Amino acid sequence: VCYKANAVSYSIAKRIIKTKYISLVNLIMDREVVKELIQGDLNTKNLKYELDKITNDSYREQLFTDYFELEKKLGGAGASDKTAKLIVDITKNETN
């Protein structure tokens, strides 16, 4: 995950928003699953290093494992449909 913003905007946002991560994946997992290269950390050397890591089989396998865990946390395929049906059922039961 790579972000580079206007220095003033970033400075203001950093003072207002207090969070460990920027990436939604990392926020949900509450740990670094994907590397976040933010502002000064986003440079050619760091970007190349992270891209090289992705080509490593064991690193990539860990990424897939982490994404599978994320999918389970989110409820897997059809989570939105299941939630919508649950809301409809609850609403129907409350009106009866």
Protein backbone atom coordinates (compact mmCIF):
# COMPACT_ATOMS: atom_id res chain seq x y z
CA VAL A 1 0.00 0.00 0.00
CA CYS A 2 1.56 3.26 -1.12
CA TYR A 3 0.43 6.76 -0.23
CA LYS A 4 2.11 10.07 -0.84
CA ALA A 5 0.06 13.20 -0.21
CA ASN A 6 0.67 16.90 -0.13
CA ALA A 7 2.93 17.53 2.88
CA VAL A 8 0.53 20.03 4.46
CA SER A 9 -2.50 17.75 4.00
CA TYR A 10 -0.59 14.79 5.42
CA SER A 11 0.58 16.80 8.43
CA ILE A 12 -2.96 17.96 9.20
CA ALA A 13 -4.43 14.47 8.73
CA LYS A 14 -1.77 12.89 10.93
CA ARG A 15 -2.65 15.26 13.78
CA ILE A 16 -6.39 14.64 13.45
CA ILE A 17 -6.50 10.91 12.69
CA LYS A 18 -4.85 8.59 15.20
CA THR A 19 -4.67 5.08 13.79
CA LYS A 20 -2.01 2.38 13.62
CA TYR A 21 -2.60 1.69 9.94
CA ILE A 22 -3.99 3.27 6.81
CA SER A 23 -4.76 0.11 4.84
CA LEU A 24 -8.22 -1.37 5.40
CA VAL A 25 -6.69 -4.86 5.41
CA ASN A 26 -4.28 -3.96 8.21
CA LEU A 27 -6.97 -2.11 10.17
CA ILE A 28 -9.33 -5.10 10.08
CA MET A 29 -6.59 -7.60 10.93
CA ASP A 30 -5.13 -5.25 13.58
CA ARG A 31 -1.63 -6.06 12.38
CA GLU A 32 0.51 -5.38 9.35
CA VAL A 33 -0.50 -7.84 6.63
CA VAL A 34 0.51 -5.59 3.76
CA LYS A 35 3.40 -3.16 3.95
CA GLU A 36 2.40 0.48 4.11
CA LEU A 37 4.81 2.86 2.43
CA ILE A 38 3.65 6.30 3.54
CA GLN A 39 5.14 9.69 2.63
CA GLY A 40 8.94 9.51 3.11
CA ASP A 41 8.91 5.71 3.30
CA LEU A 42 7.59 5.61 -0.27
CA ASN A 43 10.79 5.72 -2.27
CA THR A 44 12.34 3.66 -5.05
CA LYS A 45 14.51 1.58 -2.73
CA ASN A 46 11.67 0.58 -0.37
CA LEU A 47 9.21 0.00 -3.20
CA LYS A 48 11.64 -2.26 -5.05
CA TYR A 49 12.37 -4.17 -1.84
CA GLU A 50 8.67 -4.79 -1.16
CA LEU A 51 7.98 -5.81 -4.77
CA ASP A 52 10.90 -8.24 -4.64
CA LYS A 53 9.46 -9.79 -1.47
CA ILE A 54 6.18 -10.52 -3.24
CA THR A 55 8.03 -12.74 -5.73
CA ASN A 56 9.29 -14.87 -2.83
CA ASP A 57 7.13 -18.01 -2.58
CA SER A 58 7.04 -18.23 1.23
CA TYR A 59 6.21 -14.52 1.60
CA ARG A 60 3.46 -14.76 -1.02
CA GLU A 61 2.08 -17.90 0.66
CA GLN A 62 1.86 -16.00 3.96
CA LEU A 63 -0.02 -13.20 2.19
CA PHE A 64 -2.57 -15.71 0.87
CA THR A 65 -2.93 -17.22 4.35
CA ASP A 66 -3.51 -13.77 5.83
CA TYR A 67 -6.06 -12.89 3.14
CA PHE A 68 -7.90 -16.17 3.82
CA GLU A 69 -8.02 -15.23 7.52
CA LEU A 70 -9.33 -11.79 6.52
CA GLU A 71 -12.06 -13.39 4.41
CA LYS A 72 -13.13 -15.49 7.41
CA LYS A 73 -13.24 -12.37 9.60
CA LEU A 74 -15.44 -10.65 7.04
CA GLY A 75 -17.81 -13.59 6.85
CA GLY A 76 -16.66 -15.11 3.58
CA ALA A 77 -18.49 -14.98 0.29
CA GLY A 78 -22.03 -13.65 0.45
CA ALA A 79 -21.56 -11.87 3.79
CA SER A 80 -23.49 -8.81 2.57
CA ASP A 81 -26.43 -10.93 1.40
CA LYS A 82 -26.48 -12.88 4.68
CA THR A 83 -26.45 -9.64 6.67
CA ALA A 84 -29.24 -8.11 4.57
CA LYS A 85 -31.42 -11.23 5.01
CA LEU A 86 -30.77 -11.21 8.75
CA ILE A 87 -31.85 -7.56 8.97
CA VAL A 88 -35.02 -8.31 7.00
CA ASP A 89 -35.82 -11.29 9.25
CA ILE A 90 -35.25 -9.26 12.42
CA THR A 91 -37.42 -6.44 11.07
CA LYS A 92 -40.22 -8.88 10.18
CA ASN A 93 -40.09 -10.46 13.65
CA GLU A 94 -40.27 -7.06 15.36
CA THR A 95 -43.36 -6.04 13.37
CA ASN A 96 -45.22 -9.28 14.20
